Structure formats: structure tokens, C-alpha cells
Amino acid sequence: MNLSARPATSNAATRHPGPRNSASTGNPGRRLRIAVVGGGIAGLGSAWLLAQRHQVTLFEAGDYVGGHSNTVDVELGGRSHPVDTGFLVFNRRTYPNLCALFEQLGVASVPSEMSFGLSLASPDIEWAGSDLGTLFAQPRNLARPGFLAMLRDIWRFNRVATKLAEGGEMPALSLGEYLAAERYSAEFRDWYLLPMAAAIWSCPTGTMLAYPLATFVRFCSNHGLLQITGRPQWLTVQGGSRSYVSKIVAQLDDVRVATPVLGVERSAAGVKLRTADAVESFDEVVFACHSDQTLAILGDQASAEERRILGAVGYQYNVALLHTDAALLPRRRKVWSAWNYLAGEGAADQRPVSVSYLINRLQPLPFEQPVVVSLNPFTEPAPDKLIQRIDYAHPVFDEDAIAAQAALPGIQGQNRSWFAGAWTGYGFHEDGLRSAVAVAAGFGVAAPWSDKVAAADARGAHRGHEVDIAVDRRRAA
């Protein structure tokens, strides 16, 4: 996830100057030919919205459309069922655009959960936050001074962070600097806060220490992570996330799968996109892929500002293994949660993030045995229990990336080019779609739900996507 100047209070990266920046959007009555590069949520959203008025071609480099809406059919015991491996959950409080899109498409959802468990090898400690029984599933935690200090600091951090979020003014510090300055315990840092944060943003705990405090606090507050009660009900797409992807694709006229864009040439006359098969002409191009992919496509065509802004976002490369090996879950079954942070030997700040998502807790599966997606497991699952390996990339949200997000509106629509992606927001599905809504608005195309979401935002009903700037997940094109 990413931010811009530290005390950023608006999602500037998804607000662009509008149609005046583009050579072809100045005539709202003209039907344009628009290329959308990237088939993740940002590309799907951009293509679906723009196709209301324009001729759109969607290019996806991979062998499926959806980005990290990546659903796999798993067969166990003679039964087959769809399992999501990337995008898994959403809620109605902080995903207003996504919920509105699902309503438009007729996409059904079912309740999910977001329980969190931790299992460390050194020191030997396990706990989960579901209830007192899981909190003290390891009986020695009752008499462990460090564990009790962690609990006190959780209460203190939640109380203080809530006040900081409500007050608006926050220290210009990184998360690590703040924890050290306020003398939070090492146990709170290493057994709770950093594992939880690393699981959310899919990055090493050491990377999270550099995360700007202001954005971290606002995110936790907006998503109900600073409170015990009143948290939003989490949901998952019934039938897997591919069900919404297929509904969007069915409404698009031209979708090119396994067709990477190799280069572009932009001029006053238009945009030429080069693939392995042809060179095609368009009026405008929407880059709905990660910023480093966009730069690779632009090559020498990238302007100095595009190189500066898009090049400021780094990426963490992660591997996800879909499997059925319970050895990659906490040792005590009572600790098993929806999200399970695991770590082997090594310094706390240097361990790669290793999270096992227990899909049986996140989605309604018909299987008795655990179905797990493990991100960067420190030990491999048994070969006969491995189903699929998937490579993902996650943006790294340091101050350079956040500053780039704040500067992004200045290049929207310039050189007939537009930029969308979850990397322009907090890095989640809502952010990718929200960036698509903003790009479409630059062409004079409003999302069918825009007025409804704007009214809810004005009432403060949708906390969480009106502040700060960040980034997310699978490399779409």
C-alpha cells in the first residue's frame, strides 16, 4: 500500500483534472476508440464504464481475465468447487463502488470472516483473536509477561490511534518511529501489529516499519481494526470472484486474452499499440496495469514526468501456493483462523511475510479437509497436497510511492494516456475500481452509482476511501 506526502488527507491519485487534458475527450459527443491495457479490476471497470459510450478493446497479457480475481476449480473427494486465490473478501462500509457494481451486475455474496491467528517458531508462541479460548489456546500465555504486555499495548494503541484518527493531526513519523518513540513493547510489535499489517499488505514486517503512521492509523480506523465491536460484516462473492468477471466480460465487445501490449507510439493523431500480431490505432489508451508494467510498455515514449511518477512505485514479489497441507497452519487447531501469520527462525524484521489463508473460513466450501492459500510459506507443502502455484506482485508503499500518487493527477489524460489501478489507492479491489470510475469521469462517463456513492460519502457513510493514497496486488497485464 502507498501514500503521498505524509499527512495526505485526500485520495488525490484518483482525482484527475478531467477531459481538458486529453486531445480527444474535448468533444463529448464523439465516439472514441479506446484501448484498455490490463484485465484486473481497474481494467475491467474502465472498459465496462467506457463501453457505455465508446468503442473499447481490452488487452490482457495473461491467459485469463481478472488479475487477482483468480478462481481455481479444486477437486477433492470426487467433488469440485471454485476457490478464490487472490481477491477474497469485501464489505459494504469501505467498498461502496464495488458493492454498487455487484448490484448492477446481479452478483450475489455470502458472509465471510476476517479472524487472525499467529504462530511463531521462535519464540514458540501461538494465539488467535476470535475469543478468550483462542487467545489463550497456548496456556502458558496466561503467565507470560510479554504476552500480557502485548495485550495492554493493543488496548493502548487502539485507544490512542482512534483519537489520532478522529483528531486529524498526526505526528510526521513512520510506523516504526512512532512505536519506538511511544515505547510500545517488542511483543506488541512482533507478535501482533507488524504480523497483522504484513498479512494485510503482503509485505515483510520490516517494510511495514517504514509505512507512514498517518495512513496506517486512518486505514485501521476506517476498516474497524481499532475496535472490538462494530466491525463491518465481511462478504465473499458467491461462486467465486470469476462470477463477476464473467458478467463484465460478457458485456464487452472486444477482449483480447494472452495478448500482451509490447509497445505504444503516441502522437497528435492518436495512439498506436503494438502486439505480437499487429499494430492497431486508437484515440486514447488507459493503462490499467502496475506502474512498472506501464513504463515497460511506454519505453522511450515515456515522458520525464511519467518516468518520475510511475517509476517511484516499487513492488514486492510473492508466491502463493494453493494446497491442502495442514502443516502450513498453526500447530494448535484451536488457533486456526481465516488469516494465519506464520514465521520460522530468523530476526522478526527480516522474515518474509508468510500467511496462510484458510479458505474454508473465508468461503463456503463443501470440503472437510483444509483448503489453504499460503503466501511465501517458510516450508513447502507436501508435493501430493500442492494444487497450484501462483506468482503475485504487491506495490510497496513508501514515501516515494505516496508522493507519486499525489502527483499522478497531473499526467492523467496527457499524451492521450490515462492511468488506473489499485496502486493509486490503498491497494485493494475498491481502489482499483475507484480509479476506473475516476478515469471514466475524465471521458465524461459517470458510473451509474456515482451520485449514490457521493451522497453516502458526504454523510460519512463510506469511511476509508476518502483519505490518503496507496496501492495493491497481482500484475494484471
Protein backbone atom coordinates (compact mmCIF):
# COMPACT_ATOMS: atom_id res chain seq x y z
CA MET A 1 0.00 0.00 0.00
CA ASN A 2 1.20 3.52 -0.55
CA LEU A 3 0.92 7.12 0.42
CA SER A 4 2.00 10.52 -0.70
CA ALA A 5 3.15 13.43 1.39
CA ARG A 6 2.77 12.10 4.87
CA PRO A 7 -0.27 13.92 6.18
CA ALA A 8 -2.24 13.40 2.94
CA THR A 9 -5.94 13.74 3.58
CA SER A 10 -7.43 13.18 0.13
CA ASN A 11 -7.12 10.45 -2.46
CA ALA A 12 -5.57 12.78 -4.96
CA ALA A 13 -4.33 9.98 -7.15
CA THR A 14 -7.84 9.10 -8.22
CA ARG A 15 -8.90 12.71 -8.85
CA HIS A 16 -7.68 13.91 -12.20
CA PRO A 17 -8.04 17.26 -13.91
CA GLY A 18 -10.67 15.97 -16.35
CA PRO A 19 -11.25 15.96 -20.09
CA ARG A 20 -9.29 19.11 -20.85
CA ASN A 21 -6.02 17.15 -20.54
CA SER A 22 -6.72 14.89 -23.49
CA ALA A 23 -6.61 15.65 -27.19
CA SER A 24 -9.73 13.62 -27.94
CA THR A 25 -12.02 13.89 -24.91
CA GLY A 26 -12.85 17.53 -25.56
CA ASN A 27 -15.76 16.58 -27.84
CA PRO A 28 -18.16 14.71 -25.56
CA GLY A 29 -20.37 13.61 -28.44
CA ARG A 30 -17.62 11.83 -30.35
CA ARG A 31 -17.36 8.04 -30.11
CA LEU A 32 -13.74 7.22 -29.37
CA ARG A 33 -11.72 4.08 -29.90
CA ILE A 34 -10.08 3.35 -26.54
CA ALA A 35 -7.54 0.68 -25.63
CA VAL A 36 -7.53 -0.58 -22.04
CA VAL A 37 -4.32 -2.39 -21.07
CA GLY A 38 -4.74 -4.81 -18.16
CA GLY A 39 -7.61 -7.12 -17.26
CA GLY A 40 -7.72 -6.73 -13.49
CA ILE A 41 -10.46 -4.86 -11.63
CA ALA A 42 -9.18 -1.47 -12.81
CA GLY A 43 -9.12 -2.55 -16.45
CA LEU A 44 -12.43 -4.38 -16.27
CA GLY A 45 -14.05 -1.41 -14.53
CA SER A 46 -12.60 1.09 -17.01
CA ALA A 47 -13.65 -0.97 -20.02
CA TRP A 48 -17.16 -1.62 -18.69
CA LEU A 49 -17.79 2.03 -17.88
CA LEU A 50 -16.25 3.48 -21.05
CA ALA A 51 -18.07 0.97 -23.26
CA GLN A 52 -21.30 2.77 -22.38
CA ARG A 53 -20.27 5.48 -24.85
CA HIS A 54 -17.12 4.42 -26.67
CA GLN A 55 -15.58 1.55 -28.61
CA VAL A 56 -13.29 -0.28 -26.20
CA THR A 57 -10.70 -3.01 -26.68
CA LEU A 58 -9.37 -4.73 -23.55
CA PHE A 59 -5.88 -6.26 -23.72
CA GLU A 60 -4.80 -8.84 -21.11
CA ALA A 61 -1.32 -10.34 -21.20
CA GLY A 62 -2.18 -13.38 -19.09
CA ASP A 63 -4.20 -16.44 -20.02
CA TYR A 64 -7.28 -15.31 -18.09
CA VAL A 65 -9.08 -12.05 -17.34
CA GLY A 66 -9.45 -10.90 -13.75
CA GLY A 67 -5.99 -10.13 -12.37
CA HIS A 68 -6.04 -11.32 -8.80
CA SER A 69 -9.71 -12.20 -9.12
CA ASN A 70 -8.27 -15.63 -9.77
CA THR A 71 -10.66 -18.51 -9.18
CA VAL A 72 -9.42 -22.11 -9.36
CA ASP A 73 -11.59 -25.24 -9.54
CA VAL A 74 -10.48 -27.56 -6.75
CA GLU A 75 -11.47 -31.22 -6.80
CA LEU A 76 -11.32 -33.19 -3.56
CA GLY A 77 -13.05 -36.44 -2.73
CA GLY A 78 -14.81 -36.51 -6.05
CA ARG A 79 -16.30 -33.03 -5.59
CA SER A 80 -15.28 -29.90 -7.49
CA HIS A 81 -15.76 -26.36 -6.21
CA PRO A 82 -14.44 -22.89 -7.17
CA VAL A 83 -11.80 -21.46 -4.81
CA ASP A 84 -10.50 -17.89 -4.90
CA THR A 85 -6.76 -17.38 -4.54
CA GLY A 86 -6.39 -13.59 -4.69
CA PHE A 87 -9.33 -11.25 -4.14
CA LEU A 88 -11.36 -12.89 -1.38
CA VAL A 89 -13.42 -10.51 0.74
CA PHE A 90 -15.08 -7.10 0.79
CA ASN A 91 -17.55 -5.19 2.97
CA ARG A 92 -20.30 -2.66 2.43
CA ARG A 93 -18.69 0.07 4.55
CA THR A 94 -15.42 0.56 2.72
CA TYR A 95 -16.15 -0.93 -0.71
CA PRO A 96 -19.06 1.28 -1.90
CA ASN A 97 -18.15 1.28 -5.60
CA LEU A 98 -17.55 -2.45 -5.69
CA CYS A 99 -20.85 -3.16 -3.93
CA ALA A 100 -22.64 -0.86 -6.37
CA LEU A 101 -21.01 -2.60 -9.34
CA PHE A 102 -22.03 -6.00 -7.98
CA GLU A 103 -25.60 -4.73 -7.60
CA GLN A 104 -25.57 -3.54 -11.22
CA LEU A 105 -24.28 -6.91 -12.40
CA GLY A 106 -26.52 -9.01 -10.15
CA VAL A 107 -23.57 -10.59 -8.31
CA ALA A 108 -24.54 -12.41 -5.10
CA SER A 109 -22.44 -12.52 -1.95
CA VAL A 110 -22.35 -14.56 1.25
CA PRO A 111 -20.95 -13.76 4.72
CA SER A 112 -17.26 -14.29 5.40
CA GLU A 113 -14.92 -13.62 8.32
CA MET A 114 -11.59 -11.94 8.99
CA SER A 115 -10.24 -13.75 12.05
CA PHE A 116 -6.48 -13.55 12.66
CA GLY A 117 -4.09 -16.07 14.17
CA LEU A 118 -0.34 -16.10 14.78
CA SER A 119 2.11 -18.99 15.01
CA LEU A 120 5.84 -18.40 15.60
CA ALA A 121 8.58 -20.99 15.89
CA SER A 122 10.96 -18.71 17.76
CA PRO A 123 9.81 -17.92 20.34
CA ASP A 124 7.27 -20.71 20.50
CA ILE A 125 4.02 -18.78 20.64
CA GLU A 126 0.53 -19.16 19.19
CA TRP A 127 -2.67 -17.23 19.66
CA ALA A 128 -5.76 -16.08 17.79
CA GLY A 129 -8.12 -13.17 18.38
CA SER A 130 -11.51 -14.86 17.97
CA ASP A 131 -12.29 -15.23 21.69
CA LEU A 132 -10.64 -15.82 25.07
CA GLY A 133 -10.30 -19.51 24.30
CA THR A 134 -8.23 -18.87 21.18
CA LEU A 135 -6.33 -16.00 22.81
CA PHE A 136 -5.07 -18.39 25.47
CA ALA A 137 -5.08 -21.54 23.35
CA GLN A 138 -1.46 -21.85 24.45
CA PRO A 139 -1.96 -21.98 28.24
CA ARG A 140 1.48 -20.57 29.05
CA ASN A 141 0.33 -17.24 27.56
CA LEU A 142 -1.58 -16.65 30.80
CA ALA A 143 1.69 -16.45 32.73
CA ARG A 144 3.85 -14.90 30.01
CA PRO A 145 4.72 -11.29 30.94
CA GLY A 146 5.46 -10.37 27.34
CA PHE A 147 2.10 -11.68 26.16
CA LEU A 148 0.25 -9.71 28.82
CA ALA A 149 2.28 -6.63 27.84
CA MET A 150 1.16 -7.19 24.24
CA LEU A 151 -2.49 -7.22 25.32
CA ARG A 152 -2.06 -4.00 27.30
CA ASP A 153 -0.39 -2.34 24.33
CA ILE A 154 -3.12 -3.48 21.95
CA TRP A 155 -5.64 -1.71 24.16
CA ARG A 156 -3.39 1.37 24.40
CA PHE A 157 -2.66 1.56 20.68
CA ASN A 158 -6.32 1.16 19.74
CA ARG A 159 -7.34 3.91 22.16
CA VAL A 160 -4.60 6.35 21.14
CA ALA A 161 -4.84 5.62 17.41
CA THR A 162 -8.60 6.17 17.49
CA LYS A 163 -8.04 9.62 18.99
CA LEU A 164 -5.38 10.39 16.40
CA ALA A 165 -7.71 9.37 13.57
CA GLU A 166 -10.55 11.45 14.95
CA GLY A 167 -8.34 14.47 15.59
CA GLY A 168 -6.87 14.58 12.09
CA GLU A 169 -3.41 15.82 13.14
CA MET A 170 -0.78 13.11 13.40
CA PRO A 171 2.95 13.04 14.01
CA ALA A 172 5.01 13.06 10.80
CA LEU A 173 6.57 9.71 11.65
CA SER A 174 6.83 6.26 10.18
CA LEU A 175 5.08 3.45 11.99
CA GLY A 176 8.41 2.17 13.29
CA GLU A 177 9.48 5.59 14.52
CA TYR A 178 6.19 6.04 16.34
CA LEU A 179 6.32 2.63 18.04
CA ALA A 180 9.86 3.36 19.27
CA ALA A 181 9.05 6.91 20.41
CA GLU A 182 6.00 5.75 22.38
CA ARG A 183 7.87 2.76 23.81
CA TYR A 184 5.49 0.06 22.70
CA SER A 185 6.66 -3.39 23.70
CA ALA A 186 8.59 -5.61 21.34
CA GLU A 187 5.93 -8.27 21.87
CA PHE A 188 3.18 -5.91 20.71
CA ARG A 189 5.22 -5.02 17.67
CA ASP A 190 6.40 -8.51 16.71
CA TRP A 191 3.53 -10.70 17.91
CA TYR A 192 0.61 -8.52 16.84
CA LEU A 193 0.89 -5.25 14.95
CA LEU A 194 3.52 -6.00 12.32
CA PRO A 195 2.28 -9.54 11.57
CA MET A 196 -1.27 -8.26 11.17
CA ALA A 197 -0.14 -5.38 8.93
CA ALA A 198 2.19 -7.58 6.89
CA ALA A 199 -0.66 -10.03 6.33
CA ILE A 200 -2.92 -7.23 5.06
CA TRP A 201 -0.36 -5.69 2.69
CA SER A 202 1.55 -8.87 1.82
CA CYS A 203 4.96 -7.47 2.60
CA PRO A 204 7.76 -8.23 5.10
CA THR A 205 7.30 -6.87 8.61
CA GLY A 206 10.45 -4.79 8.18
CA THR A 207 8.84 -2.99 5.23
CA MET A 208 5.83 -2.13 7.38
CA LEU A 209 8.06 -0.24 9.83
CA ALA A 210 8.66 2.38 7.12
CA TYR A 211 4.94 2.80 6.46
CA PRO A 212 3.69 6.33 7.24
CA LEU A 213 1.89 6.41 10.57
CA ALA A 214 -0.90 8.71 9.38
CA THR A 215 -2.04 6.41 6.60
CA PHE A 216 -1.71 3.30 8.73
CA VAL A 217 -3.84 4.77 11.51
CA ARG A 218 -6.50 6.05 9.13
CA PHE A 219 -6.71 2.72 7.36
CA CYS A 220 -7.08 0.79 10.62
CA SER A 221 -9.71 3.21 11.86
CA ASN A 222 -11.69 3.17 8.62
CA HIS A 223 -11.72 -0.63 8.49
CA GLY A 224 -12.73 -1.12 12.11
CA LEU A 225 -9.40 -2.63 13.15
CA LEU A 226 -9.12 -0.38 16.21
CA GLN A 227 -12.31 -1.59 17.81
CA ILE A 228 -13.58 -4.84 19.28
CA THR A 229 -17.23 -4.32 18.35
CA GLY A 230 -18.93 -2.58 15.43
CA ARG A 231 -16.63 -4.01 12.79
CA PRO A 232 -18.10 -4.35 9.28
CA GLN A 233 -19.50 -7.67 8.14
CA TRP A 234 -17.13 -9.15 5.61
CA LEU A 235 -18.52 -10.79 2.48
CA THR A 236 -17.27 -13.01 -0.33
CA VAL A 237 -18.60 -13.45 -3.86
CA GLN A 238 -20.86 -16.47 -4.18
CA GLY A 239 -19.39 -18.90 -6.66
CA GLY A 240 -16.00 -17.21 -6.62
CA SER A 241 -14.84 -13.86 -7.92
CA ARG A 242 -14.77 -15.11 -11.51
CA SER A 243 -18.57 -14.87 -11.47
CA TYR A 244 -18.40 -11.06 -11.53
CA VAL A 245 -15.54 -11.12 -14.04
CA SER A 246 -17.55 -13.25 -16.47
CA LYS A 247 -20.53 -10.91 -16.19
CA ILE A 248 -18.37 -7.91 -17.14
CA VAL A 249 -16.60 -9.73 -19.98
CA ALA A 250 -19.97 -10.81 -21.40
CA GLN A 251 -20.86 -7.13 -21.84
CA LEU A 252 -17.64 -6.17 -23.64
CA ASP A 253 -17.32 -6.44 -27.42
CA ASP A 254 -13.56 -6.91 -27.77
CA VAL A 255 -11.48 -8.73 -25.13
CA ARG A 256 -8.01 -9.99 -26.11
CA VAL A 257 -6.60 -12.60 -23.72
CA ALA A 258 -2.96 -13.73 -23.85
CA THR A 259 -2.24 -10.58 -25.85
CA PRO A 260 0.48 -8.53 -24.17
CA VAL A 261 0.95 -4.98 -25.40
CA LEU A 262 4.60 -4.72 -26.42
CA GLY A 263 4.82 -1.01 -27.09
CA VAL A 264 2.97 2.20 -27.88
CA GLU A 265 3.50 5.19 -30.11
CA ARG A 266 1.64 8.36 -29.15
CA SER A 267 1.20 11.39 -31.36
CA ALA A 268 -1.24 14.21 -32.08
CA ALA A 269 -3.02 11.87 -34.46
CA GLY A 270 -3.65 9.12 -31.92
CA VAL A 271 -2.13 6.09 -30.23
CA LYS A 272 -0.68 3.02 -31.93
CA LEU A 273 -0.47 -0.15 -29.84
CA ARG A 274 1.85 -2.94 -30.87
CA THR A 275 1.19 -6.58 -30.02
CA ALA A 276 2.84 -9.71 -31.40
CA ASP A 277 0.12 -9.92 -34.04
CA ALA A 278 -0.47 -6.36 -35.20
CA VAL A 279 -0.19 -2.61 -34.74
CA GLU A 280 -3.58 -1.02 -34.09
CA SER A 281 -4.69 2.59 -33.85
CA PHE A 282 -6.72 4.11 -31.02
CA ASP A 283 -7.74 7.57 -29.91
CA GLU A 284 -6.79 7.05 -26.24
CA VAL A 285 -5.17 4.42 -24.02
CA VAL A 286 -5.92 3.52 -20.41
CA PHE A 287 -3.04 1.79 -18.66
CA ALA A 288 -4.79 -0.33 -16.02
CA CYS A 289 -1.74 -2.35 -15.03
CA HIS A 290 1.00 -1.86 -12.49
CA SER A 291 3.12 1.23 -12.90
CA ASP A 292 6.32 -0.65 -13.72
CA GLN A 293 4.50 -2.58 -16.45
CA THR A 294 3.21 0.69 -17.89
CA LEU A 295 6.74 2.10 -18.02
CA ALA A 296 7.99 -1.04 -19.75
CA ILE A 297 5.28 -0.67 -22.40
CA LEU A 298 5.93 3.03 -22.87
CA GLY A 299 9.69 2.54 -23.18
CA ASP A 300 11.33 5.56 -24.79
CA GLN A 301 7.88 7.07 -25.29
CA ALA A 302 7.56 7.76 -21.56
CA SER A 303 7.80 11.43 -20.65
CA ALA A 304 10.08 12.61 -17.85
CA GLU A 305 7.07 13.11 -15.59
CA GLU A 306 5.72 9.64 -16.39
CA ARG A 307 9.10 8.11 -15.57
CA ARG A 308 9.32 10.07 -12.34
CA ILE A 309 5.81 9.27 -11.13
CA LEU A 310 5.32 5.72 -12.36
CA GLY A 311 8.89 4.74 -11.54
CA ALA A 312 8.55 5.78 -7.89
CA VAL A 313 6.42 2.74 -7.00
CA GLY A 314 8.36 -0.39 -6.07
CA TYR A 315 6.97 -3.92 -5.88
CA GLN A 316 7.26 -6.91 -3.57
CA TYR A 317 7.18 -10.23 -5.42
CA ASN A 318 5.37 -13.05 -3.64
CA VAL A 319 4.47 -16.64 -4.38
CA ALA A 320 1.11 -18.12 -3.41
CA LEU A 321 0.64 -21.87 -3.07
CA LEU A 322 -2.84 -23.40 -3.16
CA HIS A 323 -2.74 -26.65 -1.20
CA THR A 324 -4.37 -28.88 1.43
CA ASP A 325 -1.44 -29.35 3.84
CA ALA A 326 -2.45 -28.57 7.44
CA ALA A 327 1.25 -28.39 8.34
CA LEU A 328 1.17 -24.83 6.99
CA LEU A 329 -1.41 -23.79 9.59
CA PRO A 330 -0.87 -23.10 13.30
CA ARG A 331 0.16 -26.17 15.29
CA ARG A 332 -2.92 -25.92 17.51
CA ARG A 333 -6.13 -26.39 15.58
CA LYS A 334 -7.88 -24.05 18.01
CA VAL A 335 -5.73 -21.21 16.65
CA TRP A 336 -6.71 -21.82 13.03
CA SER A 337 -8.17 -18.60 11.67
CA ALA A 338 -9.12 -17.05 8.33
CA TRP A 339 -5.71 -15.32 8.21
CA ASN A 340 -2.78 -17.14 9.81
CA TYR A 341 0.60 -15.45 10.14
CA LEU A 342 3.44 -17.96 10.44
CA ALA A 343 7.17 -17.50 10.85
CA GLY A 344 10.12 -19.82 11.29
CA GLU A 345 13.53 -18.93 12.62
CA GLY A 346 15.12 -15.55 11.96
CA ALA A 347 15.06 -11.93 13.02
CA ALA A 348 11.50 -10.62 13.22
CA ASP A 349 12.10 -7.65 10.92
CA GLN A 350 13.75 -9.72 8.18
CA ARG A 351 11.36 -12.62 7.83
CA PRO A 352 9.40 -12.70 4.58
CA VAL A 353 5.69 -12.46 5.15
CA SER A 354 4.27 -15.97 5.43
CA VAL A 355 0.50 -16.03 5.64
CA SER A 356 -1.81 -18.99 5.24
CA TYR A 357 -5.36 -18.10 4.28
CA LEU A 358 -7.74 -20.85 5.39
CA ILE A 359 -10.24 -20.67 2.54
CA ASN A 360 -12.75 -22.87 4.38
CA ARG A 361 -13.19 -19.93 6.80
CA LEU A 362 -13.37 -17.32 4.05
CA GLN A 363 -15.63 -19.05 1.55
CA PRO A 364 -18.37 -21.68 1.88
CA LEU A 365 -16.54 -24.81 0.69
CA PRO A 366 -18.02 -28.31 0.67
CA PHE A 367 -14.72 -29.89 1.79
CA GLU A 368 -13.84 -31.33 5.19
CA GLN A 369 -10.09 -31.02 4.71
CA PRO A 370 -8.49 -27.60 4.89
CA VAL A 371 -8.01 -25.71 1.62
CA VAL A 372 -5.23 -23.18 2.07
CA VAL A 373 -3.53 -20.42 0.11
CA SER A 374 -0.07 -19.87 1.62
CA LEU A 375 1.83 -16.73 0.70
CA ASN A 376 5.62 -17.20 0.83
CA PRO A 377 5.49 -20.29 3.09
CA PHE A 378 8.73 -20.80 5.00
CA THR A 379 8.27 -24.52 4.46
CA GLU A 380 6.85 -26.15 1.35
CA PRO A 381 3.61 -28.15 1.46
CA ALA A 382 3.81 -31.87 0.77
CA PRO A 383 4.05 -32.40 -3.01
CA ASP A 384 0.94 -34.58 -3.09
CA LYS A 385 -1.05 -31.78 -1.41
CA LEU A 386 0.03 -28.93 -3.67
CA ILE A 387 -2.68 -27.86 -6.14
CA GLN A 388 -1.29 -24.77 -7.84
CA ARG A 389 1.49 -22.18 -7.64
CA ILE A 390 0.67 -18.54 -8.44
CA ASP A 391 3.06 -15.59 -8.62
CA TYR A 392 1.87 -12.20 -7.41
CA ALA A 393 3.41 -8.75 -7.10
CA HIS A 394 2.37 -6.20 -4.49
CA PRO A 395 3.22 -2.49 -4.54
CA VAL A 396 5.42 -1.19 -1.75
CA PHE A 397 4.02 1.90 -0.10
CA ASP A 398 6.88 4.07 0.96
CA GLU A 399 7.00 7.86 0.89
CA ASP A 400 8.24 7.99 -2.71
CA ALA A 401 5.26 5.96 -3.88
CA ILE A 402 2.86 8.11 -1.91
CA ALA A 403 4.33 11.29 -3.34
CA ALA A 404 3.90 9.75 -6.79
CA GLN A 405 0.24 9.11 -6.09
CA ALA A 406 -0.26 12.73 -5.15
CA ALA A 407 1.39 13.80 -8.42
CA LEU A 408 -0.48 11.34 -10.64
CA PRO A 409 -3.44 13.64 -11.47
CA GLY A 410 -1.02 15.96 -13.26
CA ILE A 411 -0.37 13.40 -16.01
CA GLN A 412 -3.88 11.96 -16.36
CA GLY A 413 -5.06 12.49 -19.93
CA GLN A 414 -1.72 13.86 -21.10
CA ASN A 415 -0.39 12.32 -24.32
CA ARG A 416 -3.72 10.56 -24.79
CA SER A 417 -2.88 8.36 -21.80
CA TRP A 418 -4.71 7.54 -18.58
CA PHE A 419 -3.61 5.53 -15.58
CA ALA A 420 -5.69 3.30 -13.32
CA GLY A 421 -5.07 0.55 -10.81
CA ALA A 422 -5.36 -0.39 -7.17
CA TRP A 423 -1.86 1.06 -6.80
CA THR A 424 -3.44 4.54 -6.97
CA GLY A 425 -5.32 3.95 -3.70
CA TYR A 426 -4.96 1.67 -0.69
CA GLY A 427 -4.10 -1.26 -2.93
CA PHE A 428 -7.37 -3.13 -2.69
CA HIS A 429 -10.20 -4.04 -5.04
CA GLU A 430 -12.22 -0.94 -4.19
CA ASP A 431 -9.23 1.24 -5.06
CA GLY A 432 -8.82 -0.36 -8.46
CA LEU A 433 -12.48 0.18 -9.30
CA ARG A 434 -12.46 3.67 -7.82
CA SER A 435 -9.58 4.61 -10.11
CA ALA A 436 -11.57 3.26 -13.06
CA VAL A 437 -14.56 5.40 -12.07
CA ALA A 438 -12.27 8.44 -11.97
CA VAL A 439 -10.76 7.71 -15.39
CA ALA A 440 -14.21 7.21 -16.91
CA ALA A 441 -15.28 10.55 -15.46
CA GLY A 442 -12.36 12.11 -17.31
CA PHE A 443 -14.07 10.99 -20.53
CA GLY A 444 -17.37 12.42 -19.33
CA VAL A 445 -18.76 8.98 -18.46
CA ALA A 446 -20.30 8.70 -15.00
CA ALA A 447 -20.69 5.42 -13.16
CA PRO A 448 -24.40 4.56 -12.75
CA TRP A 449 -23.97 4.72 -8.99
CA SER A 450 -21.81 7.85 -8.73
CA ASP A 451 -24.49 10.10 -7.22
CA LYS A 452 -25.45 7.48 -4.65
CA VAL A 453 -21.85 6.92 -3.53
CA ALA A 454 -21.13 10.67 -3.46
CA ALA A 455 -24.17 11.26 -1.25
CA ALA A 456 -23.07 8.49 1.11
CA ASP A 457 -19.54 9.91 1.23
CA ALA A 458 -20.96 13.31 2.12
CA ARG A 459 -22.74 11.70 5.07
CA GLY A 460 -19.55 9.90 6.10
CA ALA A 461 -21.16 6.52 5.47
CA HIS A 462 -18.20 5.22 3.47
CA ARG A 463 -15.21 5.78 5.63
CA GLY A 464 -11.97 4.53 4.22
CA HIS A 465 -11.65 5.69 0.66
CA GLU A 466 -11.77 9.43 1.04
CA VAL A 467 -8.35 9.72 2.68
CA ASP A 468 -4.76 9.02 1.71
CA ILE A 469 -3.28 7.23 -1.22
CA ALA A 470 -1.92 3.68 -1.62
CA VAL A 471 -1.54 0.55 -3.89
CA ASP A 472 -2.10 -3.38 -4.46
CA ARG A 473 -1.72 -6.79 -5.88
CA ARG A 474 -1.42 -9.09 -8.86
CA ARG A 475 0.33 -7.88 -12.01
CA ALA A 476 -2.58 -7.64 -14.41
CA ALA A 477 -1.02 -7.39 -17.81
